[in-house]
Amino acid sequence: MPCCLCFSDAPLNENELKGQRAVAIGRYVANVNTFQTKMIDVPCSCATLPCCLISTCPYVSLCVQIDMRHRVLNHVSPGSGWTHYQCCQGHCPVCCFKPSDTPHTFPRTCMCLEAFCCTGLAASANRFVIMDKYGLMPDPCDNSLIRMNNFLLLARCICDIAAIFDKNLRHAAQILDCLSEVLFWSTLGCMTAQTYAEVQFREQAASAVVYQPMPADSDYGSYEAPKAPGAPASTE
């Protein structure tokens, strides 16, 4: 994640909003609300670091995404269980991932397959549901990640073409592959932890009860019944 600091977090222009991740993020550019925890701050917080580290582990992350989907769905619709589950929650409308008004017959099974086959999409869908719910704009780190991803893809393409003429450059392409994997899993961990922190914050804010004690000089309890017309005034 520190590598993202080398890339600008300024709003994306039209040319940069053409990649798969960029197109998905572009839907939320006009939103005005922000996440309570910035993605770049996730590894620095004791509250979000454990979730971030767990989500970074490839096989453990599958279980984390399944649990997060259940948390997110029941946060948006309390007590609904898996009733509102859809593949990627309709944010990837291709093939079997197309949104439908009909509930899935086996939502848990479908979610397990989604987390196993498309871990990144599963994590993004969890985050998009929360962004839809609260009108959240993309994190500035999203812009840096998109630019960094575009840079790695371009560098990998150049290395693959150059490797046709110089086989030694194949090692450079393999190094870029490793960097892409590190970027993917570190981003996944931070993104999942950010979503979890947002859900926790919203639920705590909703359940907080503000107690306001009655002022000492309150007139409550000193109510005096109305007097009949012409009755003498009270001497108190």
C-alpha atoms as a PDB file:
ATOM      1  CA  MET A   1       0.000   0.000   0.000  1.00  0.00           C
ATOM      2  CA  PRO A   2       2.799   2.576   0.632  1.00  0.00           C
ATOM      3  CA  CYS A   3       3.645   2.284  -3.085  1.00  0.00           C
ATOM      4  CA  CYS A   4       0.327   3.992  -3.806  1.00  0.00           C
ATOM      5  CA  LEU A   5       1.803   7.201  -2.414  1.00  0.00           C
ATOM      6  CA  CYS A   6       3.875   7.398  -5.604  1.00  0.00           C
ATOM      7  CA  PHE A   7       0.683   7.839  -7.634  1.00  0.00           C
ATOM      8  CA  SER A   8      -1.686  10.787  -7.570  1.00  0.00           C
ATOM      9  CA  ASP A   9      -4.987  10.499  -5.703  1.00  0.00           C
ATOM     10  CA  ALA A  10      -6.571  13.294  -7.753  1.00  0.00           C
ATOM     11  CA  PRO A  11      -9.981  12.570  -9.347  1.00  0.00           C
ATOM     12  CA  LEU A  12      -9.786  10.308 -12.385  1.00  0.00           C
ATOM     13  CA  ASN A  13     -10.184  11.773 -15.858  1.00  0.00           C
ATOM     14  CA  GLU A  14     -12.248  10.259 -18.660  1.00  0.00           C
ATOM     15  CA  ASN A  15      -9.366   8.221 -20.075  1.00  0.00           C
ATOM     16  CA  GLU A  16      -8.648   6.669 -16.680  1.00  0.00           C
ATOM     17  CA  LEU A  17     -12.286   5.692 -16.130  1.00  0.00           C
ATOM     18  CA  LYS A  18     -12.165   2.897 -18.697  1.00  0.00           C
ATOM     19  CA  GLY A  19     -10.775  -0.053 -16.745  1.00  0.00           C
ATOM     20  CA  GLN A  20     -13.014  -2.604 -15.016  1.00  0.00           C
ATOM     21  CA  ARG A  21     -12.306  -1.247 -11.538  1.00  0.00           C
ATOM     22  CA  ALA A  22     -12.403   2.359 -12.727  1.00  0.00           C
ATOM     23  CA  VAL A  23     -15.816   1.959 -14.366  1.00  0.00           C
ATOM     24  CA  ALA A  24     -17.261   0.493 -11.160  1.00  0.00           C
ATOM     25  CA  ILE A  25     -15.782   3.269  -9.032  1.00  0.00           C
ATOM     26  CA  GLY A  26     -16.922   5.936 -11.504  1.00  0.00           C
ATOM     27  CA  ARG A  27     -20.554   5.429 -10.476  1.00  0.00           C
ATOM     28  CA  TYR A  28     -19.808   6.915  -7.063  1.00  0.00           C
ATOM     29  CA  VAL A  29     -17.672   9.904  -8.039  1.00  0.00           C
ATOM     30  CA  ALA A  30     -20.583  12.331  -7.624  1.00  0.00           C
ATOM     31  CA  ASN A  31     -21.319  11.213  -4.040  1.00  0.00           C
ATOM     32  CA  VAL A  32     -20.443  13.612  -1.228  1.00  0.00           C
ATOM     33  CA  ASN A  33     -20.109  11.436   1.900  1.00  0.00           C
ATOM     34  CA  THR A  34     -16.816   9.815   2.864  1.00  0.00           C
ATOM     35  CA  PHE A  35     -15.706   6.664   4.665  1.00  0.00           C
ATOM     36  CA  GLN A  36     -14.991   7.052   8.363  1.00  0.00           C
ATOM     37  CA  THR A  37     -11.642   5.284   7.898  1.00  0.00           C
ATOM     38  CA  LYS A  38      -9.426   6.052   4.924  1.00  0.00           C
ATOM     39  CA  MET A  39      -8.034   2.999   3.183  1.00  0.00           C
ATOM     40  CA  ILE A  40      -4.469   4.238   3.546  1.00  0.00           C
ATOM     41  CA  ASP A  41      -5.002   4.507   7.337  1.00  0.00           C
ATOM     42  CA  VAL A  42      -6.302   0.952   7.757  1.00  0.00           C
ATOM     43  CA  PRO A  43      -2.875  -0.676   8.409  1.00  0.00           C
ATOM     44  CA  CYS A  44      -2.059   2.056  10.949  1.00  0.00           C
ATOM     45  CA  SER A  45      -5.097   1.501  13.179  1.00  0.00           C
ATOM     46  CA  CYS A  46      -5.241  -1.165  15.889  1.00  0.00           C
ATOM     47  CA  ALA A  47      -8.994  -1.421  15.313  1.00  0.00           C
ATOM     48  CA  THR A  48      -8.723  -2.340  11.622  1.00  0.00           C
ATOM     49  CA  LEU A  49      -5.276  -3.967  11.354  1.00  0.00           C
ATOM     50  CA  PRO A  50      -6.386  -7.489  12.487  1.00  0.00           C
ATOM     51  CA  CYS A  51      -9.183  -7.615   9.898  1.00  0.00           C
ATOM     52  CA  CYS A  52      -6.789  -6.288   7.267  1.00  0.00           C
ATOM     53  CA  LEU A  53      -4.166  -8.960   7.966  1.00  0.00           C
ATOM     54  CA  ILE A  54      -6.700 -11.795   8.045  1.00  0.00           C
ATOM     55  CA  SER A  55      -8.273 -10.662   4.776  1.00  0.00           C
ATOM     56  CA  THR A  56      -4.855 -10.552   3.122  1.00  0.00           C
ATOM     57  CA  CYS A  57      -4.378 -14.316   3.573  1.00  0.00           C
ATOM     58  CA  PRO A  58      -5.662 -15.934   0.334  1.00  0.00           C
ATOM     59  CA  TYR A  59      -7.529 -18.935   1.754  1.00  0.00           C
ATOM     60  CA  VAL A  60      -8.705 -17.301   4.972  1.00  0.00           C
ATOM     61  CA  SER A  61     -10.011 -14.350   2.980  1.00  0.00           C
ATOM     62  CA  LEU A  62     -12.629 -16.596   1.362  1.00  0.00           C
ATOM     63  CA  CYS A  63     -14.308 -17.139   4.726  1.00  0.00           C
ATOM     64  CA  VAL A  64     -13.951 -13.452   5.583  1.00  0.00           C
ATOM     65  CA  GLN A  65     -15.787 -12.383   2.419  1.00  0.00           C
ATOM     66  CA  ILE A  66     -18.641 -14.807   3.117  1.00  0.00           C
ATOM     67  CA  ASP A  67     -19.013 -13.460   6.652  1.00  0.00           C
ATOM     68  CA  MET A  68     -18.768  -9.867   5.427  1.00  0.00           C
ATOM     69  CA  ARG A  69     -21.518 -10.398   2.862  1.00  0.00           C
ATOM     70  CA  HIS A  70     -23.836 -11.691   5.582  1.00  0.00           C
ATOM     71  CA  ARG A  71     -22.940  -8.721   7.807  1.00  0.00           C
ATOM     72  CA  VAL A  72     -23.500  -6.215   5.009  1.00  0.00           C
ATOM     73  CA  LEU A  73     -26.823  -7.679   3.889  1.00  0.00           C
ATOM     74  CA  ASN A  74     -28.172  -7.755   7.431  1.00  0.00           C
ATOM     75  CA  HIS A  75     -26.852  -4.268   8.113  1.00  0.00           C
ATOM     76  CA  VAL A  76     -28.812  -2.880   5.171  1.00  0.00           C
ATOM     77  CA  SER A  77     -31.859  -5.097   5.854  1.00  0.00           C
ATOM     78  CA  PRO A  78     -31.735  -6.226   9.516  1.00  0.00           C
ATOM     79  CA  GLY A  79     -32.848  -9.798  10.094  1.00  0.00           C
ATOM     80  CA  SER A  80     -33.036 -10.633   6.385  1.00  0.00           C
ATOM     81  CA  GLY A  81     -30.384 -13.356   6.541  1.00  0.00           C
ATOM     82  CA  TRP A  82     -29.447 -14.362   3.001  1.00  0.00           C
ATOM     83  CA  THR A  83     -32.794 -13.368   1.468  1.00  0.00           C
ATOM     84  CA  HIS A  84     -31.371 -10.439  -0.522  1.00  0.00           C
ATOM     85  CA  TYR A  85     -28.251 -12.240  -1.720  1.00  0.00           C
ATOM     86  CA  GLN A  86     -27.294 -11.924  -5.383  1.00  0.00           C
ATOM     87  CA  CYS A  87     -24.106 -12.831  -7.180  1.00  0.00           C
ATOM     88  CA  CYS A  88     -21.847  -9.813  -6.586  1.00  0.00           C
ATOM     89  CA  GLN A  89     -25.070  -8.056  -5.519  1.00  0.00           C
ATOM     90  CA  GLY A  90     -25.748  -7.121  -9.134  1.00  0.00           C
ATOM     91  CA  HIS A  91     -22.568  -5.074  -9.543  1.00  0.00           C
ATOM     92  CA  CYS A  92     -21.129  -7.406 -12.180  1.00  0.00           C
ATOM     93  CA  PRO A  93     -24.038  -7.994 -14.602  1.00  0.00           C
ATOM     94  CA  VAL A  94     -22.592 -10.731 -16.815  1.00  0.00           C
ATOM     95  CA  CYS A  95     -23.673 -14.352 -17.297  1.00  0.00           C
ATOM     96  CA  CYS A  96     -24.942 -15.853 -14.023  1.00  0.00           C
ATOM     97  CA  PHE A  97     -23.986 -12.670 -12.153  1.00  0.00           C
ATOM     98  CA  LYS A  98     -26.878 -10.715 -13.656  1.00  0.00           C
ATOM     99  CA  PRO A  99     -29.192  -9.218 -10.999  1.00  0.00           C
ATOM    100  CA  SER A 100     -32.563 -10.854 -10.479  1.00  0.00           C
ATOM    101  CA  ASP A 101     -35.664 -10.156  -8.410  1.00  0.00           C
ATOM    102  CA  THR A 102     -35.972 -13.868  -7.643  1.00  0.00           C
ATOM    103  CA  PRO A 103     -34.142 -14.986  -4.462  1.00  0.00           C
ATOM    104  CA  HIS A 104     -31.415 -17.580  -4.927  1.00  0.00           C
ATOM    105  CA  THR A 105     -32.403 -21.125  -4.031  1.00  0.00           C
ATOM    106  CA  PHE A 106     -28.989 -21.853  -2.510  1.00  0.00           C
ATOM    107  CA  PRO A 107     -27.557 -18.457  -1.499  1.00  0.00           C
ATOM    108  CA  ARG A 108     -24.906 -19.865   0.849  1.00  0.00           C
ATOM    109  CA  THR A 109     -23.605 -22.240  -1.802  1.00  0.00           C
ATOM    110  CA  CYS A 110     -23.558 -19.473  -4.403  1.00  0.00           C
ATOM    111  CA  MET A 111     -21.732 -17.163  -2.000  1.00  0.00           C
ATOM    112  CA  CYS A 112     -19.089 -19.813  -1.321  1.00  0.00           C
ATOM    113  CA  LEU A 113     -18.523 -20.222  -5.059  1.00  0.00           C
ATOM    114  CA  GLU A 114     -18.418 -16.466  -5.543  1.00  0.00           C
ATOM    115  CA  ALA A 115     -15.829 -16.021  -2.791  1.00  0.00           C
ATOM    116  CA  PHE A 116     -13.729 -18.903  -4.134  1.00  0.00           C
ATOM    117  CA  CYS A 117     -13.847 -18.028  -7.842  1.00  0.00           C
ATOM    118  CA  CYS A 118     -14.076 -14.222  -7.665  1.00  0.00           C
ATOM    119  CA  THR A 119     -12.652 -13.109  -4.338  1.00  0.00           C
ATOM    120  CA  GLY A 120     -11.922  -9.596  -5.542  1.00  0.00           C
ATOM    121  CA  LEU A 121     -15.411  -9.104  -6.963  1.00  0.00           C
ATOM    122  CA  ALA A 122     -16.953 -10.458  -3.757  1.00  0.00           C
ATOM    123  CA  ALA A 123     -15.023  -7.950  -1.638  1.00  0.00           C
ATOM    124  CA  SER A 124     -15.841  -5.094  -4.017  1.00  0.00           C
ATOM    125  CA  ALA A 125     -19.541  -6.006  -3.964  1.00  0.00           C
ATOM    126  CA  ASN A 126     -19.569  -5.853  -0.154  1.00  0.00           C
ATOM    127  CA  ARG A 127     -18.043  -2.397  -0.283  1.00  0.00           C
ATOM    128  CA  PHE A 128     -20.342  -1.149  -3.047  1.00  0.00           C
ATOM    129  CA  VAL A 129     -23.432  -2.132  -1.051  1.00  0.00           C
ATOM    130  CA  ILE A 130     -22.296   0.116   1.805  1.00  0.00           C
ATOM    131  CA  MET A 131     -21.383   2.900  -0.625  1.00  0.00           C
ATOM    132  CA  ASP A 132     -24.875   2.666  -2.142  1.00  0.00           C
ATOM    133  CA  LYS A 133     -26.498   2.695   1.281  1.00  0.00           C
ATOM    134  CA  TYR A 134     -24.775   5.828   2.573  1.00  0.00           C
ATOM    135  CA  GLY A 135     -23.896   7.632  -0.667  1.00  0.00           C
ATOM    136  CA  LEU A 136     -20.149   7.311  -0.084  1.00  0.00           C
ATOM    137  CA  MET A 137     -17.647   8.632  -2.583  1.00  0.00           C
ATOM    138  CA  PRO A 138     -14.558   6.606  -3.591  1.00  0.00           C
ATOM    139  CA  ASP A 139     -11.637   6.721  -1.216  1.00  0.00           C
ATOM    140  CA  PRO A 140      -8.748   8.866  -2.562  1.00  0.00           C
ATOM    141  CA  CYS A 141      -6.634   5.719  -2.328  1.00  0.00           C
ATOM    142  CA  ASP A 142      -8.899   4.175  -4.986  1.00  0.00           C
ATOM    143  CA  ASN A 143      -7.600   6.672  -7.523  1.00  0.00           C
ATOM    144  CA  SER A 144      -3.994   5.879  -6.637  1.00  0.00           C
ATOM    145  CA  LEU A 145      -4.653   2.140  -6.868  1.00  0.00           C
ATOM    146  CA  ILE A 146      -6.256   2.462 -10.298  1.00  0.00           C
ATOM    147  CA  ARG A 147      -3.296   4.461 -11.584  1.00  0.00           C
ATOM    148  CA  MET A 148      -0.844   1.990 -10.070  1.00  0.00           C
ATOM    149  CA  ASN A 149      -2.725  -0.945 -11.577  1.00  0.00           C
ATOM    150  CA  ASN A 150      -2.738   0.741 -14.998  1.00  0.00           C
ATOM    151  CA  PHE A 151       1.000   1.309 -14.685  1.00  0.00           C
ATOM    152  CA  LEU A 152       1.694  -2.341 -13.830  1.00  0.00           C
ATOM    153  CA  LEU A 153      -0.482  -3.593 -16.692  1.00  0.00           C
ATOM    154  CA  LEU A 154       1.278  -1.310 -19.162  1.00  0.00           C
ATOM    155  CA  ALA A 155       4.726  -2.286 -17.866  1.00  0.00           C
ATOM    156  CA  ARG A 156       3.805  -5.985 -18.055  1.00  0.00           C
ATOM    157  CA  CYS A 157       2.596  -5.553 -21.641  1.00  0.00           C
ATOM    158  CA  ILE A 158       5.834  -3.823 -22.632  1.00  0.00           C
ATOM    159  CA  CYS A 159       7.922  -6.567 -20.987  1.00  0.00           C
ATOM    160  CA  ASP A 160       5.942  -9.328 -22.709  1.00  0.00           C
ATOM    161  CA  ILE A 161       6.502  -7.746 -26.114  1.00  0.00           C
ATOM    162  CA  ALA A 162      10.170  -7.034 -25.424  1.00  0.00           C
ATOM    163  CA  ALA A 163      10.668 -10.609 -24.155  1.00  0.00           C
ATOM    164  CA  ILE A 164       9.989 -11.845 -27.690  1.00  0.00           C
ATOM    165  CA  PHE A 165      13.308 -10.320 -28.706  1.00  0.00           C
ATOM    166  CA  ASP A 166      15.158 -10.676 -25.401  1.00  0.00           C
ATOM    167  CA  LYS A 167      14.294 -13.730 -23.284  1.00  0.00           C
ATOM    168  CA  ASN A 168      16.003 -12.209 -20.261  1.00  0.00           C
ATOM    169  CA  LEU A 169      13.081  -9.813 -19.905  1.00  0.00           C
ATOM    170  CA  ARG A 170      10.809 -12.720 -19.000  1.00  0.00           C
ATOM    171  CA  HIS A 171      12.139 -12.416 -15.466  1.00  0.00           C
ATOM    172  CA  ALA A 172      11.042  -8.788 -15.392  1.00  0.00           C
ATOM    173  CA  ALA A 173       7.547  -9.858 -16.456  1.00  0.00           C
ATOM    174  CA  GLN A 174       7.469 -12.436 -13.653  1.00  0.00           C
ATOM    175  CA  ILE A 175       8.509  -9.794 -11.133  1.00  0.00           C
ATOM    176  CA  LEU A 176       5.673  -7.566 -12.307  1.00  0.00           C
ATOM    177  CA  ASP A 177       3.296 -10.507 -11.872  1.00  0.00           C
ATOM    178  CA  CYS A 178       4.434 -10.871  -8.262  1.00  0.00           C
ATOM    179  CA  LEU A 179       3.976  -7.148  -7.670  1.00  0.00           C
ATOM    180  CA  SER A 180       0.462  -7.376  -9.097  1.00  0.00           C
ATOM    181  CA  GLU A 181      -0.384 -10.219  -6.713  1.00  0.00           C
ATOM    182  CA  VAL A 182       0.963  -8.280  -3.734  1.00  0.00           C
ATOM    183  CA  LEU A 183      -1.035  -5.234  -4.807  1.00  0.00           C
ATOM    184  CA  PHE A 184      -4.210  -7.289  -5.207  1.00  0.00           C
ATOM    185  CA  TRP A 185      -4.110  -9.000  -1.805  1.00  0.00           C
ATOM    186  CA  SER A 186      -2.976  -5.935   0.120  1.00  0.00           C
ATOM    187  CA  THR A 187      -5.739  -3.889  -1.502  1.00  0.00           C
ATOM    188  CA  LEU A 188      -8.250  -6.620  -0.734  1.00  0.00           C
ATOM    189  CA  GLY A 189      -7.254  -6.642   2.932  1.00  0.00           C
ATOM    190  CA  CYS A 190      -7.464  -2.865   3.321  1.00  0.00           C
ATOM    191  CA  MET A 191     -10.742  -2.665   1.407  1.00  0.00           C
ATOM    192  CA  THR A 192     -12.375  -5.386   3.506  1.00  0.00           C
ATOM    193  CA  ALA A 193     -11.196  -3.818   6.765  1.00  0.00           C
ATOM    194  CA  GLN A 194     -12.469  -0.414   5.642  1.00  0.00           C
ATOM    195  CA  THR A 195     -15.904  -1.875   4.871  1.00  0.00           C
ATOM    196  CA  TYR A 196     -15.986  -3.674   8.223  1.00  0.00           C
ATOM    197  CA  ALA A 197     -15.030  -0.487  10.078  1.00  0.00           C
ATOM    198  CA  GLU A 198     -17.769   1.459   8.285  1.00  0.00           C
ATOM    199  CA  VAL A 199     -20.420  -1.117   9.209  1.00  0.00           C
ATOM    200  CA  GLN A 200     -19.264  -1.108  12.836  1.00  0.00           C
ATOM    201  CA  PHE A 201     -19.325   2.684  12.999  1.00  0.00           C
ATOM    202  CA  ARG A 202     -22.809   2.945  11.489  1.00  0.00           C
ATOM    203  CA  GLU A 203     -24.238   0.284  13.785  1.00  0.00           C
ATOM    204  CA  GLN A 204     -22.727   1.860  16.885  1.00  0.00           C
ATOM    205  CA  ALA A 205     -24.039   5.275  15.865  1.00  0.00           C
ATOM    206  CA  ALA A 206     -27.525   3.866  15.296  1.00  0.00           C
ATOM    207  CA  SER A 207     -27.620   2.047  18.633  1.00  0.00           C
ATOM    208  CA  ALA A 208     -26.216   4.914  20.700  1.00  0.00           C
ATOM    209  CA  VAL A 209     -28.776   6.391  23.082  1.00  0.00           C
ATOM    210  CA  VAL A 210     -28.163   9.946  24.236  1.00  0.00           C
ATOM    211  CA  TYR A 211     -29.416  10.451  27.793  1.00  0.00           C
ATOM    212  CA  GLN A 212     -30.364  14.014  28.672  1.00  0.00           C
ATOM    213  CA  PRO A 213     -31.242  14.468  32.396  1.00  0.00           C
ATOM    214  CA  MET A 214     -34.102  16.751  33.351  1.00  0.00           C
ATOM    215  CA  PRO A 215     -32.831  20.223  34.398  1.00  0.00           C
ATOM    216  CA  ALA A 216     -33.022  20.948  38.138  1.00  0.00           C
ATOM    217  CA  ASP A 217     -35.279  23.946  37.596  1.00  0.00           C
ATOM    218  CA  SER A 218     -37.698  22.024  35.416  1.00  0.00           C
ATOM    219  CA  ASP A 219     -41.404  22.691  35.962  1.00  0.00           C
ATOM    220  CA  TYR A 220     -42.182  19.018  35.418  1.00  0.00           C
ATOM    221  CA  GLY A 221     -44.162  17.683  38.381  1.00  0.00           C
ATOM    222  CA  SER A 222     -45.329  21.103  39.601  1.00  0.00           C
ATOM    223  CA  TYR A 223     -48.413  21.204  37.451  1.00  0.00           C
ATOM    224  CA  GLU A 224     -51.294  23.117  39.054  1.00  0.00           C
ATOM    225  CA  ALA A 225     -54.868  22.393  38.072  1.00  0.00           C
ATOM    226  CA  PRO A 226     -56.714  25.320  36.491  1.00  0.00           C
ATOM    227  CA  LYS A 227     -58.869  27.328  38.897  1.00  0.00           C
ATOM    228  CA  ALA A 228     -62.482  28.217  38.435  1.00  0.00           C
ATOM    229  CA  PRO A 229     -63.252  31.740  37.204  1.00  0.00           C
ATOM    230  CA  GLY A 230     -63.184  34.280  40.045  1.00  0.00           C
ATOM    231  CA  ALA A 231     -61.237  32.036  42.417  1.00  0.00           C
ATOM    232  CA  PRO A 232     -58.574  33.796  44.587  1.00  0.00           C
ATOM    233  CA  ALA A 233     -55.008  33.608  43.365  1.00  0.00           C
ATOM    234  CA  SER A 234     -52.557  31.333  45.094  1.00  0.00           C
ATOM    235  CA  THR A 235     -50.458  32.932  47.835  1.00  0.00           C
ATOM    236  CA  GLU A 236     -47.415  30.738  47.094  1.00  0.00           C
END
